[in-house]
Amino acid sequence: MEIEQAQQLWKPEPGWLNTASYGLPPEPAWTALQEALAQWRVGSSSWEGWGDSVQRSRTAFAGLIGVPEGDVAVGASVSQMLAPVAGALPAGTTVVVPDVEFTSNLFPWLVQEERGISVRVVPLESLVDAIDADTDLVAFSLVQSADGAVAAYDDIVAAARAYDALVVVDATQACGWLPFDGSRADVVTVGGYKWLMNPRGTAFTYLAPALRERLRPDAAGWYAGHDPHASYYGPPLRLADDARRFDISPAWFSWVGAAPALELVAEIGVPAIQAHDVALANRFRTGLGQPPGESAIVSVDVPDAERRLAEAGIRAAVRAGRVRASFHIYSTEADVDAALAALTG
């Protein structure tokens, strides 16, 4: 599906440049969610149909990052899904994290310091050089939330592998617009409500099989069972053999809206989305006299920018003291030009 055709499936008010905060649902996702809510209101449907959306979402996500669906666990948030990884680290482990990292990929490691985990925080641009023989795990965002900086994924992975360090990637601000090979990491975690345009309450995590064997599914419940429908009552423990043993019971309606959105991203194709998003971001950069970049997120320091954008009806975010604009499938050149007029007029 071409971008121009796909854009007809969204109905944003002009000036939405804040996908890095939350993405907007395409028509199929919105319609599926409304239908499920209508069924819930009157009790006209059993929940199993809503539950089928979880597996559809898992399959689509796995395809987007190039990993087997059996290696993908589902949950509700990034920090919740990183908890089993952090909790399994032995005392004496050293974790290296960028100093601008969003705290969902920082606090899970920091809370382990009381039991002997060491967290070393370094500048993002120095991350590759900071990986050394004392490093056991490297955790970083593929795209930084604050300013859209794209991490040197291949270089970081290569440096980590040279010292047998684990690689944990938060791809929340990347997955959906930036192509990457998730199988190169040990863990890839993604909150679905941004560039994947899911309702809030969905998260995905790729867990490499070799690492998964070292983790304990402390949040295991019926949905983590080998057969969830045969895991409602009583012992013995009978968990799934694959990454599903780390699933948590799904919030149905979030997943009902997630599956159509993910399948649409796959249909359009992430490379096409990347070309569209980055072209708009670079139009914005050029209009502000900045050199082109490689990210769909642009962070700018313009005097009084927040007020100017608000008065023009442009919805963007303020992060780390700078205005952050982000561009996605439904963004247009008109949105960019309206933002530039507000900031430069």
Protein backbone atom coordinates (compact mmCIF):
# COMPACT_ATOMS: atom_id res chain seq x y z
CA MET A 1 0.00 0.00 0.00
CA GLU A 2 1.34 3.42 -0.96
CA ILE A 3 1.68 6.12 1.69
CA GLU A 4 -0.78 8.41 -0.10
CA GLN A 5 -3.39 5.64 -0.12
CA ALA A 6 -2.68 4.69 3.48
CA GLN A 7 -3.10 8.26 4.69
CA GLN A 8 -6.80 8.05 3.86
CA LEU A 9 -7.13 5.67 6.82
CA TRP A 10 -6.37 8.43 9.34
CA LYS A 11 -8.31 11.55 10.24
CA PRO A 12 -5.95 13.70 12.30
CA GLU A 13 -6.66 17.32 13.03
CA PRO A 14 -3.97 19.38 11.24
CA GLY A 15 -0.83 19.99 13.24
CA TRP A 16 -0.34 16.69 15.08
CA LEU A 17 3.46 16.40 15.34
CA ASN A 18 3.65 14.35 18.51
CA THR A 19 3.73 10.65 17.62
CA ALA A 20 6.75 10.31 19.91
CA SER A 21 4.19 10.82 22.71
CA TYR A 22 1.42 8.70 21.21
CA GLY A 23 0.43 7.51 17.77
CA LEU A 24 -2.97 7.96 16.15
CA PRO A 25 -5.09 4.92 15.27
CA PRO A 26 -5.83 4.04 11.64
CA GLU A 27 -9.46 3.50 10.72
CA PRO A 28 -9.33 -0.35 10.93
CA ALA A 29 -7.96 -0.19 14.47
CA TRP A 30 -10.45 2.44 15.58
CA THR A 31 -13.38 0.53 14.11
CA ALA A 32 -12.32 -2.79 15.65
CA LEU A 33 -12.03 -1.16 19.05
CA GLN A 34 -15.44 0.51 18.82
CA GLU A 35 -17.05 -2.79 17.81
CA ALA A 36 -15.46 -4.58 20.75
CA LEU A 37 -16.55 -1.87 23.17
CA ALA A 38 -20.09 -2.10 21.84
CA GLN A 39 -20.06 -5.87 22.39
CA TRP A 40 -18.72 -5.42 25.92
CA ARG A 41 -21.43 -2.89 26.76
CA VAL A 42 -24.25 -5.31 26.10
CA GLY A 43 -22.54 -8.67 26.63
CA SER A 44 -23.09 -9.85 23.08
CA SER A 45 -19.76 -11.61 22.66
CA SER A 46 -17.41 -13.91 24.50
CA TRP A 47 -13.90 -12.64 25.21
CA GLU A 48 -12.06 -15.26 23.15
CA GLY A 49 -12.49 -13.29 19.93
CA TRP A 50 -10.88 -10.27 21.56
CA GLY A 51 -8.12 -12.52 22.86
CA ASP A 52 -7.28 -13.69 19.34
CA SER A 53 -5.97 -10.19 18.67
CA VAL A 54 -3.01 -10.88 20.94
CA GLN A 55 -1.62 -13.61 18.72
CA ARG A 56 -2.26 -11.55 15.58
CA SER A 57 -0.32 -8.71 17.17
CA ARG A 58 2.53 -10.98 18.25
CA THR A 59 2.84 -12.40 14.75
CA ALA A 60 2.85 -8.98 13.10
CA PHE A 61 5.39 -7.57 15.55
CA ALA A 62 7.73 -10.53 15.10
CA GLY A 63 7.65 -9.97 11.35
CA LEU A 64 8.44 -6.28 11.73
CA ILE A 65 11.70 -6.94 13.60
CA GLY A 66 12.63 -10.22 11.93
CA VAL A 67 12.36 -12.71 14.80
CA PRO A 68 10.33 -15.92 15.36
CA GLU A 69 6.96 -15.22 16.97
CA GLY A 70 7.68 -17.92 19.56
CA ASP A 71 10.48 -15.68 20.87
CA VAL A 72 8.11 -12.75 21.53
CA ALA A 73 6.41 -12.15 24.86
CA VAL A 74 3.59 -9.66 25.33
CA GLY A 75 2.80 -7.39 28.23
CA ALA A 76 1.71 -3.89 29.13
CA SER A 77 4.83 -1.73 29.50
CA VAL A 78 8.54 -1.70 28.78
CA SER A 79 9.73 -1.61 32.39
CA GLN A 80 7.44 -4.50 33.35
CA MET A 81 8.88 -6.61 30.54
CA LEU A 82 12.48 -5.80 31.46
CA ALA A 83 11.96 -6.77 35.10
CA PRO A 84 12.65 -10.52 34.62
CA VAL A 85 15.88 -9.70 32.79
CA ALA A 86 17.06 -7.30 35.48
CA GLY A 87 16.00 -9.64 38.26
CA ALA A 88 18.02 -12.52 36.80
CA LEU A 89 21.33 -10.65 36.74
CA PRO A 90 23.80 -12.09 39.23
CA ALA A 91 25.43 -9.90 41.85
CA GLY A 92 28.52 -8.23 40.48
CA THR A 93 27.00 -7.60 37.05
CA THR A 94 27.92 -4.31 35.37
CA VAL A 95 25.31 -2.63 33.18
CA VAL A 96 26.21 0.26 30.84
CA VAL A 97 23.43 2.71 29.90
CA PRO A 98 23.38 6.10 28.10
CA ASP A 99 22.94 9.11 30.39
CA VAL A 100 19.90 10.36 28.45
CA GLU A 101 18.08 7.03 28.50
CA PHE A 102 14.33 7.04 29.13
CA THR A 103 13.90 5.70 32.63
CA SER A 104 11.80 2.68 31.61
CA ASN A 105 15.13 1.25 30.41
CA LEU A 106 17.13 2.64 33.33
CA PHE A 107 15.16 2.20 36.54
CA PRO A 108 14.82 -1.61 36.11
CA TRP A 109 18.62 -1.80 36.34
CA LEU A 110 19.05 0.84 39.04
CA VAL A 111 16.64 -0.85 41.45
CA GLN A 112 18.96 -3.87 41.38
CA GLU A 113 21.93 -1.92 42.75
CA GLU A 114 21.01 -2.84 46.32
CA ARG A 115 21.82 -6.46 45.56
CA GLY A 116 25.17 -5.77 43.90
CA ILE A 117 24.37 -4.73 40.33
CA SER A 118 26.53 -1.85 39.11
CA VAL A 119 25.04 0.63 36.63
CA ARG A 120 27.49 2.80 34.71
CA VAL A 121 25.95 5.79 32.92
CA VAL A 122 27.87 7.29 30.00
CA PRO A 123 27.17 9.81 27.21
CA LEU A 124 25.34 8.23 24.28
CA GLU A 125 28.07 9.24 21.84
CA SER A 126 30.62 7.44 24.04
CA LEU A 127 28.62 4.26 24.50
CA VAL A 128 30.60 2.11 22.06
CA ASP A 129 33.94 3.12 23.59
CA ALA A 130 32.60 2.59 27.12
CA ILE A 131 31.94 -1.11 26.51
CA ASP A 132 34.89 -3.03 27.91
CA ALA A 133 35.89 -6.26 29.62
CA ASP A 134 33.99 -5.24 32.76
CA THR A 135 30.72 -4.81 30.85
CA ASP A 136 28.14 -7.58 31.23
CA LEU A 137 25.07 -5.92 29.70
CA VAL A 138 24.49 -2.88 27.48
CA ALA A 139 21.03 -1.29 27.56
CA PHE A 140 20.06 1.55 25.22
CA SER A 141 17.24 3.02 23.16
CA LEU A 142 17.56 2.52 19.43
CA VAL A 143 16.13 6.04 19.06
CA GLN A 144 16.31 8.40 22.00
CA SER A 145 13.04 9.82 23.28
CA ALA A 146 14.39 13.25 24.21
CA ASP A 147 15.92 14.29 20.91
CA GLY A 148 15.48 11.50 18.36
CA ALA A 149 19.16 10.54 18.26
CA VAL A 150 19.57 7.21 16.42
CA ALA A 151 21.99 4.86 18.18
CA ALA A 152 24.81 3.18 16.28
CA TYR A 153 23.10 -0.20 16.58
CA ASP A 154 25.59 -2.27 14.58
CA ASP A 155 28.61 -0.72 16.31
CA ILE A 156 27.13 -1.18 19.78
CA VAL A 157 26.24 -4.81 19.11
CA ALA A 158 29.73 -5.50 17.71
CA ALA A 159 31.40 -3.91 20.74
CA ALA A 160 29.20 -5.88 23.14
CA ARG A 161 29.80 -9.18 21.38
CA ALA A 162 33.56 -8.60 21.55
CA TYR A 163 33.25 -8.85 25.34
CA ASP A 164 30.38 -11.37 25.49
CA ALA A 165 28.06 -8.70 26.89
CA LEU A 166 24.29 -8.92 26.58
CA VAL A 167 22.46 -6.36 24.44
CA VAL A 168 19.10 -4.95 25.55
CA VAL A 169 17.37 -2.55 23.14
CA ASP A 170 14.37 -0.34 23.84
CA ALA A 171 12.96 0.23 20.35
CA THR A 172 9.81 2.06 21.44
CA GLN A 173 10.76 5.22 19.54
CA ALA A 174 12.00 3.27 16.50
CA CYS A 175 9.78 0.28 15.77
CA GLY A 176 7.25 1.26 13.15
CA TRP A 177 9.40 3.72 11.22
CA LEU A 178 13.03 2.50 11.47
CA PRO A 179 13.94 -0.89 9.95
CA PHE A 180 16.28 -3.00 12.10
CA ASP A 181 17.17 -6.62 12.72
CA GLY A 182 15.91 -7.46 16.18
CA SER A 183 17.56 -10.87 16.19
CA ARG A 184 20.99 -9.25 16.60
CA ALA A 185 20.12 -8.28 20.18
CA ASP A 186 19.38 -10.47 23.20
CA VAL A 187 16.33 -8.42 24.19
CA VAL A 188 14.24 -5.98 22.16
CA THR A 189 11.38 -4.32 23.99
CA VAL A 190 8.78 -1.98 22.50
CA GLY A 191 5.87 -0.02 23.91
CA GLY A 192 3.18 -0.26 21.24
CA TYR A 193 1.35 3.03 21.70
CA LYS A 194 3.74 5.30 19.82
CA TRP A 195 4.94 4.51 16.28
CA LEU A 196 2.97 1.23 16.19
CA MET A 197 -0.17 3.27 16.96
CA ASN A 198 -1.66 0.78 19.43
CA PRO A 199 -3.92 1.79 22.30
CA ARG A 200 -1.82 2.32 25.40
CA GLY A 201 -1.36 -0.92 27.33
CA THR A 202 0.49 -3.10 24.80
CA ALA A 203 4.16 -3.99 24.87
CA PHE A 204 6.30 -6.59 23.11
CA THR A 205 9.63 -8.14 24.01
CA TYR A 206 11.88 -10.36 21.95
CA LEU A 207 13.78 -12.70 24.25
CA ALA A 208 16.61 -14.66 22.65
CA PRO A 209 16.25 -18.36 23.53
CA ALA A 210 19.70 -18.61 25.12
CA LEU A 211 18.93 -15.75 27.47
CA ARG A 212 15.37 -16.88 28.13
CA GLU A 213 16.63 -20.08 29.71
CA ARG A 214 18.30 -17.97 32.42
CA LEU A 215 15.15 -16.04 33.35
CA ARG A 216 12.39 -16.84 35.82
CA PRO A 217 8.83 -15.80 34.85
CA ASP A 218 7.90 -14.30 38.22
CA ALA A 219 4.67 -12.80 36.85
CA ALA A 220 3.44 -16.12 35.43
CA GLY A 221 -0.29 -16.65 35.42
CA TRP A 222 -2.87 -18.56 33.42
CA TYR A 223 -2.01 -16.73 30.20
CA ALA A 224 1.60 -17.94 30.44
CA GLY A 225 0.43 -21.53 30.46
CA HIS A 226 1.30 -24.08 27.80
CA ASP A 227 -2.41 -24.09 26.99
CA PRO A 228 -3.93 -20.99 28.61
CA HIS A 229 -7.45 -22.44 28.44
CA ALA A 230 -6.29 -25.50 30.36
CA SER A 231 -4.40 -23.42 32.92
CA TYR A 232 -7.24 -21.83 34.86
CA TYR A 233 -7.10 -23.91 38.02
CA GLY A 234 -4.77 -25.89 40.21
CA PRO A 235 -1.29 -27.40 39.94
CA PRO A 236 1.02 -28.50 38.54
CA LEU A 237 2.96 -25.62 37.04
CA ARG A 238 2.55 -25.94 33.27
CA LEU A 239 4.05 -22.96 31.48
CA ALA A 240 4.61 -22.45 27.77
CA ASP A 241 7.91 -23.71 26.42
CA ASP A 242 8.66 -20.52 24.49
CA ALA A 243 8.59 -16.78 25.24
CA ARG A 244 4.88 -16.98 26.05
CA ARG A 245 5.82 -18.08 29.56
CA PHE A 246 6.61 -14.38 30.13
CA ASP A 247 3.22 -13.15 28.85
CA ILE A 248 0.90 -11.35 31.21
CA SER A 249 -2.86 -11.57 30.96
CA PRO A 250 -3.83 -9.12 28.20
CA ALA A 251 -6.03 -6.05 28.52
CA TRP A 252 -8.31 -7.18 25.70
CA PHE A 253 -9.37 -3.89 24.19
CA SER A 254 -5.82 -2.61 23.86
CA TRP A 255 -5.00 -5.65 21.76
CA VAL A 256 -8.19 -5.43 19.69
CA GLY A 257 -6.95 -2.02 18.53
CA ALA A 258 -3.34 -3.17 18.23
CA ALA A 259 -3.66 -6.00 15.72
CA PRO A 260 -5.11 -4.00 12.78
CA ALA A 261 -2.59 -1.19 13.32
CA LEU A 262 0.38 -3.56 13.32
CA GLU A 263 -0.87 -5.40 10.26
CA LEU A 264 -1.28 -2.10 8.44
CA VAL A 265 2.29 -1.06 9.28
CA ALA A 266 3.46 -4.37 7.83
CA GLU A 267 1.34 -3.86 4.71
CA ILE A 268 2.69 -0.37 4.06
CA GLY A 269 6.25 -1.48 4.83
CA VAL A 270 8.63 0.06 7.34
CA PRO A 271 11.14 1.23 4.67
CA ALA A 272 8.39 3.24 2.94
CA ILE A 273 7.30 4.69 6.27
CA GLN A 274 10.89 5.60 7.09
CA ALA A 275 11.33 7.44 3.77
CA HIS A 276 8.13 9.41 4.33
CA ASP A 277 8.77 10.27 7.97
CA VAL A 278 12.40 11.28 7.57
CA ALA A 279 11.64 13.36 4.48
CA LEU A 280 9.15 15.41 6.49
CA ALA A 281 11.56 15.68 9.41
CA ASN A 282 14.27 16.95 7.06
CA ARG A 283 11.85 19.46 5.51
CA PHE A 284 11.35 20.75 9.04
CA ARG A 285 15.08 20.83 9.75
CA THR A 286 15.85 22.63 6.51
CA GLY A 287 13.21 25.26 7.24
CA LEU A 288 14.95 25.98 10.54
CA GLY A 289 18.37 26.22 8.93
CA GLN A 290 19.57 22.88 10.26
CA PRO A 291 21.36 20.13 8.33
CA PRO A 292 19.35 17.03 7.36
CA GLY A 293 19.29 14.09 9.71
CA GLU A 294 18.26 10.44 9.84
CA SER A 295 15.52 10.53 12.46
CA ALA A 296 11.75 10.99 12.36
CA ILE A 297 12.09 13.01 15.59
CA VAL A 298 13.50 16.54 15.57
CA SER A 299 14.53 18.46 18.69
CA VAL A 300 14.87 22.23 18.28
CA ASP A 301 15.74 25.15 20.51
CA VAL A 302 13.71 28.10 19.26
CA PRO A 303 12.88 31.05 21.55
CA ASP A 304 9.31 30.90 22.85
CA ALA A 305 8.67 27.86 20.63
CA GLU A 306 6.14 26.19 22.90
CA ARG A 307 3.84 29.23 22.94
CA ARG A 308 4.24 29.86 19.21
CA LEU A 309 3.30 26.31 18.29
CA ALA A 310 0.37 26.23 20.69
CA GLU A 311 -1.07 29.46 19.29
CA ALA A 312 -0.84 27.99 15.78
CA GLY A 313 -2.59 24.79 16.83
CA ILE A 314 0.54 22.68 16.41
CA ARG A 315 0.76 19.86 18.96
CA ALA A 316 4.33 18.91 19.75
CA ALA A 317 6.15 18.07 22.99
CA VAL A 318 8.77 19.66 25.17
CA ARG A 319 11.56 17.32 26.26
CA ALA A 320 14.82 18.23 27.99
CA GLY A 321 13.98 21.92 27.56
CA ARG A 322 13.57 21.71 23.78
CA VAL A 323 10.60 21.42 21.46
CA ARG A 324 10.33 17.90 20.06
CA ALA A 325 8.46 17.40 16.79
CA SER A 326 7.82 13.92 15.40
CA PHE A 327 6.52 12.87 11.99
CA HIS A 328 4.65 9.73 10.97
CA ILE A 329 2.49 8.20 8.24
CA TYR A 330 -0.39 10.64 8.69
CA SER A 331 1.88 13.72 8.84
CA THR A 332 1.91 15.97 5.77
CA GLU A 333 3.98 18.74 4.23
CA ALA A 334 1.19 21.11 5.24
CA ASP A 335 1.74 20.15 8.89
CA VAL A 336 5.45 20.84 8.53
CA ASP A 337 4.94 24.18 6.82
CA ALA A 338 2.42 25.29 9.44
CA ALA A 339 4.91 24.50 12.18
CA LEU A 340 7.68 26.37 10.35
CA ALA A 341 5.46 29.39 9.85
CA ALA A 342 4.75 29.45 13.58
CA LEU A 343 8.41 29.15 14.54
CA THR A 344 9.94 31.50 11.96
CA GLY A 345 7.16 34.01 11.32
